[in-house]
C-alpha cells in the first residue's frame, strides 16, 4: 500500500480507538502487519500519532483544564485533582522506563499476544459490565488519591499491546467503585500526561530514523487525521458508555482478536 494512504488509515484507526476500550495500539499493530508495513519506523509512527488524539481531548476539555491550571495557587479542589492525575500517572512512568525496550522489541512484534489480549480483555469487559460493584464515586475530578493510584496501577497492564490503556483504566476504575461515565472521563484526563510522556520518549529514541526520507511528513498526516477522528470519538463516548455500557466494546475485542488469530494461523 502507498505510504500516504497507510498513514491516513492508521491515523483514522488511532483516533477512533484511542479512547474506547478496544486497544488502539493492538488495532494499529494488527493493521500494520496486515498492510505489510515492515519498516521499524512504523512502530514509532504508531506511538507518536497518539499525541494527535490526546490533543483532541485537550481541545474539548480546554476550559476545564485551564480552570484547573489557573486555580492551582488558590483552589484546594484544583490541586487535589491535579495531584490525583499525577499519582495515577506515576506507575506508568516507573514501569514504562523499566520495560520500554522489552515492550518495543518483543511485545510489539507479537501479533499472537495482541490477539489473545484482545479476546481476554473483551471477556473481562463483558464480565465487569454485568457484575460491576455499585459506584461510590461519581465525579472524575474528585477521586481519592488511593483510588487514583489504583487506576494508575491498572494502566500499567496496558503496556501489553492489545490490553487497551482506556480499557484498563475504565475497568480498573469501575472495579474500584467509580461510576462508568466518571471512570471514562478520568481515563481521558490520565491519557494526557501518559501519552505526552510516551510521545516524548519515543520521539527522542526515534529522532534519527524519523529524519530519513518522508517519515516526518507521514507522521504529520497521521497526527492530523488522529486528531480529527479523536474529536469525534471523545464527543460521543461518554454518553455511549452511560447508555450502553462496556459490553459492545467487549464483543468487538473478541471479534477482532478471533479474526486476527484466524488470519495468523490459517493464512
Protein backbone atom coordinates (compact mmCIF):
# COMPACT_ATOMS: atom_id res chain seq x y z
CA UNK A 1 0.00 0.00 0.00
CA UNK A 2 1.07 3.58 -0.67
CA UNK A 3 2.71 5.02 2.46
CA UNK A 4 0.49 8.11 2.46
CA UNK A 5 -2.69 6.02 2.38
CA UNK A 6 -1.26 3.81 5.12
CA UNK A 7 -0.56 6.88 7.27
CA UNK A 8 -4.13 8.14 6.77
CA UNK A 9 -5.64 4.74 7.57
CA UNK A 10 -3.53 4.32 10.71
CA UNK A 11 -4.42 7.86 11.78
CA UNK A 12 -8.12 7.08 11.46
CA UNK A 13 -7.72 3.84 13.44
CA UNK A 14 -5.80 5.67 16.17
CA UNK A 15 -8.35 8.44 16.58
CA UNK A 16 -11.31 6.06 16.55
CA UNK A 17 -9.82 3.58 19.04
CA UNK A 18 -7.63 5.58 21.45
CA UNK A 19 -10.40 6.41 23.90
CA UNK A 20 -12.61 3.35 23.60
CA UNK A 21 -11.62 0.19 25.48
CA UNK A 22 -10.60 -1.85 22.45
CA UNK A 23 -6.81 -1.16 22.38
CA UNK A 24 -5.69 1.40 19.83
CA UNK A 25 -2.14 0.00 19.86
CA UNK A 26 -3.40 -3.53 19.29
CA UNK A 27 -5.55 -2.44 16.34
CA UNK A 28 -2.72 -0.36 14.89
CA UNK A 29 -0.16 -3.16 15.15
CA UNK A 30 -2.52 -5.67 13.57
CA UNK A 31 -3.30 -3.17 10.80
CA UNK A 32 0.41 -2.57 10.29
CA UNK A 33 1.01 -6.30 9.92
CA UNK A 34 -1.96 -6.72 7.58
CA UNK A 35 -0.72 -3.85 5.40
CA UNK A 36 2.78 -5.33 5.21
CA UNK A 37 4.47 -2.32 6.81
CA UNK A 38 7.76 -3.89 7.85
CA UNK A 39 9.92 -0.78 8.31
CA UNK A 40 10.68 -0.38 12.07
CA UNK A 41 9.84 3.34 11.81
CA UNK A 42 6.14 2.39 11.63
CA UNK A 43 6.31 1.20 15.25
CA UNK A 44 7.39 4.69 16.28
CA UNK A 45 4.76 6.19 13.98
CA UNK A 46 2.09 4.22 15.87
CA UNK A 47 3.21 5.63 19.22
CA UNK A 48 3.78 9.18 18.01
CA UNK A 49 0.42 9.75 16.29
CA UNK A 50 -1.30 9.04 19.60
CA UNK A 51 -0.46 12.60 20.59
CA UNK A 52 -2.90 13.83 17.95
CA UNK A 53 -5.76 12.03 19.67
CA UNK A 54 -4.62 13.34 23.06
CA UNK A 55 -4.70 16.90 21.75
CA UNK A 56 -8.32 16.25 20.80
CA UNK A 57 -9.09 15.69 24.49
CA UNK A 58 -7.17 18.81 25.46
CA UNK A 59 -9.10 20.84 22.90
CA UNK A 60 -12.51 19.59 24.03
CA UNK A 61 -11.71 19.95 27.74
CA UNK A 62 -9.66 23.13 27.38
CA UNK A 63 -11.86 25.34 29.58
CA UNK A 64 -11.98 22.81 32.40
CA UNK A 65 -8.25 22.08 32.23
CA UNK A 66 -7.42 25.79 32.03
CA UNK A 67 -9.60 26.45 35.09
CA UNK A 68 -7.65 23.80 36.99
CA UNK A 69 -4.32 25.23 35.86
CA UNK A 70 -5.03 28.82 36.88
CA UNK A 71 -6.72 27.61 40.06
CA UNK A 72 -3.72 25.67 41.36
CA UNK A 73 -2.35 28.53 43.52
CA UNK A 74 -5.69 29.26 45.21
CA UNK A 75 -8.02 26.26 44.89
CA UNK A 76 -7.61 23.17 47.05
CA UNK A 77 -10.01 21.33 44.75
CA UNK A 78 -7.86 22.10 41.68
CA UNK A 79 -4.71 20.96 43.48
CA UNK A 80 -6.41 17.75 44.60
CA UNK A 81 -7.49 16.94 41.05
CA UNK A 82 -4.05 17.68 39.62
CA UNK A 83 -2.46 15.52 42.32
CA UNK A 84 -4.86 12.65 41.61
CA UNK A 85 -3.85 12.65 37.93
CA UNK A 86 -0.16 12.84 38.87
CA UNK A 87 -0.48 9.94 41.32
CA UNK A 88 -2.29 7.85 38.71
CA UNK A 89 0.39 8.71 36.13
CA UNK A 90 3.42 7.71 38.22
CA UNK A 91 3.15 3.89 37.85
CA UNK A 92 3.28 4.27 34.06
CA UNK A 93 6.44 6.38 34.38
CA UNK A 94 8.22 3.81 36.53
CA UNK A 95 7.21 0.69 34.61
CA UNK A 96 7.46 2.44 31.23
CA UNK A 97 11.13 3.26 31.72
CA UNK A 98 11.91 -0.17 33.14
CA UNK A 99 10.13 -2.14 30.38
CA UNK A 100 10.45 0.16 27.33
CA UNK A 101 12.92 -1.98 25.37
CA UNK A 102 11.08 -5.24 26.10
CA UNK A 103 7.74 -3.74 25.06
CA UNK A 104 9.04 -2.28 21.77
CA UNK A 105 11.31 -5.18 20.76
CA UNK A 106 9.26 -8.18 21.91
CA UNK A 107 5.59 -7.43 22.58
CA UNK A 108 5.18 -5.03 19.64
CA UNK A 109 6.32 -7.83 17.34
CA UNK A 110 3.93 -10.47 18.72
CA UNK A 111 0.58 -10.40 16.87
CA UNK A 112 -0.49 -13.55 18.72
CA UNK A 113 -0.06 -11.81 22.08
CA UNK A 114 -2.12 -8.90 20.80
CA UNK A 115 -4.98 -11.13 19.60
CA UNK A 116 -5.16 -13.10 22.84
CA UNK A 117 -5.01 -9.86 24.85
CA UNK A 118 -7.94 -8.52 22.83
CA UNK A 119 -10.00 -11.64 23.50
CA UNK A 120 -9.19 -11.87 27.22
CA UNK A 121 -9.82 -8.14 27.63
CA UNK A 122 -13.13 -8.50 25.82
CA UNK A 123 -14.27 -11.24 28.19
CA UNK A 124 -13.30 -9.06 31.16
CA UNK A 125 -15.27 -6.12 29.75
CA UNK A 126 -18.36 -8.32 29.41
CA UNK A 127 -17.90 -9.55 32.97
CA UNK A 128 -17.36 -6.13 34.55
CA UNK A 129 -20.27 -4.70 32.60
CA UNK A 130 -22.58 -7.32 34.09
CA UNK A 131 -21.21 -7.68 37.61
CA UNK A 132 -19.62 -4.30 38.40
CA UNK A 133 -19.81 -3.12 42.02
CA UNK A 134 -22.13 -0.28 42.97
CA UNK A 135 -20.33 3.03 42.27
CA UNK A 136 -19.20 5.07 45.27
CA UNK A 137 -17.53 7.93 43.38
CA UNK A 138 -19.40 9.89 40.71
CA UNK A 139 -17.05 12.78 39.91
CA UNK A 140 -13.86 12.18 37.92
CA UNK A 141 -12.36 15.37 39.31
CA UNK A 142 -12.83 14.36 42.97
CA UNK A 143 -11.30 10.89 43.21
CA UNK A 144 -9.46 9.92 46.37
CA UNK A 145 -5.70 9.53 45.98
CA UNK A 146 -5.73 5.77 46.78
CA UNK A 147 -8.39 5.27 44.09
CA UNK A 148 -6.35 7.32 41.60
CA UNK A 149 -3.26 5.24 42.38
CA UNK A 150 -5.26 2.06 41.84
CA UNK A 151 -6.39 3.29 38.42
CA UNK A 152 -2.76 4.10 37.61
CA UNK A 153 -1.68 0.58 38.51
CA UNK A 154 -4.35 -0.84 36.22
CA UNK A 155 -3.00 1.40 33.46
CA UNK A 156 0.37 -0.40 33.68
CA UNK A 157 -1.34 -3.51 32.27
CA UNK A 158 -1.92 -1.56 29.05
CA UNK A 159 1.80 -1.73 28.28
CA UNK A 160 0.96 -5.16 26.87
CA UNK A 161 -0.25 -4.44 23.30
CA UNK A 162 -3.87 -5.44 22.97
CA UNK A 163 -4.82 -4.77 26.59
CA UNK A 164 -6.02 -1.17 25.96
CA UNK A 165 -4.99 1.80 28.08
CA UNK A 166 -8.52 3.18 28.21
CA UNK A 167 -9.95 -0.30 28.81
CA UNK A 168 -7.57 -1.00 31.70
CA UNK A 169 -8.22 2.36 33.36
CA UNK A 170 -12.00 2.27 32.87
CA UNK A 171 -12.33 -1.32 34.10
CA UNK A 172 -9.95 -0.59 36.96
CA UNK A 173 -11.92 2.49 37.90
CA UNK A 174 -15.25 0.63 37.84
CA UNK A 175 -13.80 -2.17 39.98
CA UNK A 176 -12.60 0.47 42.44
CA UNK A 177 -16.08 1.92 42.75
CA UNK A 178 -16.08 4.73 40.18
CA UNK A 179 -19.17 5.33 38.06
CA UNK A 180 -18.64 4.15 34.46
CA UNK A 181 -19.01 7.63 32.96
CA UNK A 182 -16.66 9.14 35.55
CA UNK A 183 -14.17 6.30 35.01
CA UNK A 184 -14.16 7.02 31.27
CA UNK A 185 -13.71 10.73 31.90
CA UNK A 186 -10.81 10.18 34.30
CA UNK A 187 -9.28 7.91 31.66
CA UNK A 188 -9.33 10.91 29.29
CA UNK A 189 -7.53 13.09 31.82
CA UNK A 190 -4.96 10.42 32.64
CA UNK A 191 -4.27 9.90 28.95
CA UNK A 192 -2.89 13.44 28.63
CA UNK A 193 0.33 13.09 30.70
CA UNK A 194 0.67 9.38 29.86
CA UNK A 195 0.63 9.79 26.11
CA UNK A 196 2.62 13.04 26.12
CA UNK A 197 5.30 11.19 28.09
CA UNK A 198 5.22 8.23 25.70
CA UNK A 199 5.41 10.62 22.73
CA UNK A 200 8.39 12.50 24.14
CA UNK A 201 10.34 9.32 24.95
CA UNK A 202 9.63 7.61 21.64
CA UNK A 203 10.31 10.75 19.61
CA UNK A 204 13.69 11.13 21.30
CA UNK A 205 14.54 7.45 20.84
CA UNK A 206 13.50 7.54 17.17
CA UNK A 207 14.64 11.04 16.20
CA UNK A 208 17.34 9.87 13.77
CA UNK A 209 15.16 7.41 11.85
CA UNK A 210 12.35 9.98 11.61
CA UNK A 211 14.64 12.39 9.79
CA UNK A 212 15.16 9.91 6.95
CA UNK A 213 13.02 10.18 3.81
CA UNK A 214 9.44 11.38 4.23
CA UNK A 215 8.85 9.96 7.73
CA UNK A 216 8.16 13.38 9.26
CA UNK A 217 5.62 14.17 6.55
CA UNK A 218 3.82 10.87 7.07
CA UNK A 219 3.87 11.47 10.83
CA UNK A 220 2.27 14.89 10.34
CA UNK A 221 -0.51 13.34 8.23
CA UNK A 222 -1.20 10.61 10.78
CA UNK A 223 -1.11 13.18 13.58
CA UNK A 224 -3.75 15.43 11.98
CA UNK A 225 -6.03 12.55 11.00
CA UNK A 226 -5.89 11.06 14.51
CA UNK A 227 -6.71 14.48 15.99
CA UNK A 228 -9.82 14.92 13.84
CA UNK A 229 -11.15 11.40 14.34
CA UNK A 230 -10.33 11.61 18.06
CA UNK A 231 -12.53 14.70 18.36
CA UNK A 232 -15.49 12.73 17.05
CA UNK A 233 -15.00 9.81 19.44
CA UNK A 234 -14.50 11.89 22.60
CA UNK A 235 -17.68 13.85 21.90
CA UNK A 236 -19.87 10.74 21.78
CA UNK A 237 -18.08 8.22 24.04
CA UNK A 238 -19.27 9.35 27.49
CA UNK A 239 -22.93 9.28 26.53
CA UNK A 240 -22.47 5.94 24.78
CA UNK A 241 -20.85 4.34 27.85
CA UNK A 242 -23.56 5.77 30.10
CA UNK A 243 -26.35 4.35 27.94
CA UNK A 244 -24.88 1.13 26.52
CA UNK A 245 -22.17 0.17 29.00
CA UNK A 246 -18.95 -1.65 28.07
CA UNK A 247 -20.39 -4.84 26.54
CA UNK A 248 -20.34 -3.62 22.89
CA UNK A 249 -16.60 -2.99 23.19
CA UNK A 250 -16.10 -6.41 24.75
CA UNK A 251 -17.78 -8.15 21.84
CA UNK A 252 -15.78 -6.04 19.36
CA UNK A 253 -12.50 -7.01 21.02
CA UNK A 254 -13.39 -10.70 20.93
CA UNK A 255 -14.36 -10.49 17.26
CA UNK A 256 -11.18 -8.66 16.23
CA UNK A 257 -8.98 -10.98 18.30
CA UNK A 258 -10.64 -14.06 16.81
CA UNK A 259 -10.29 -12.76 13.25
CA UNK A 260 -6.66 -11.91 13.95
CA UNK A 261 -5.92 -15.41 15.25
CA UNK A 262 -7.63 -16.95 12.24
CA UNK A 263 -5.54 -14.78 9.93
CA UNK A 264 -2.32 -15.70 11.77
CA UNK A 265 -2.83 -19.43 11.89
CA UNK A 266 -4.93 -20.18 8.82
CA UNK A 267 -3.43 -17.79 6.24
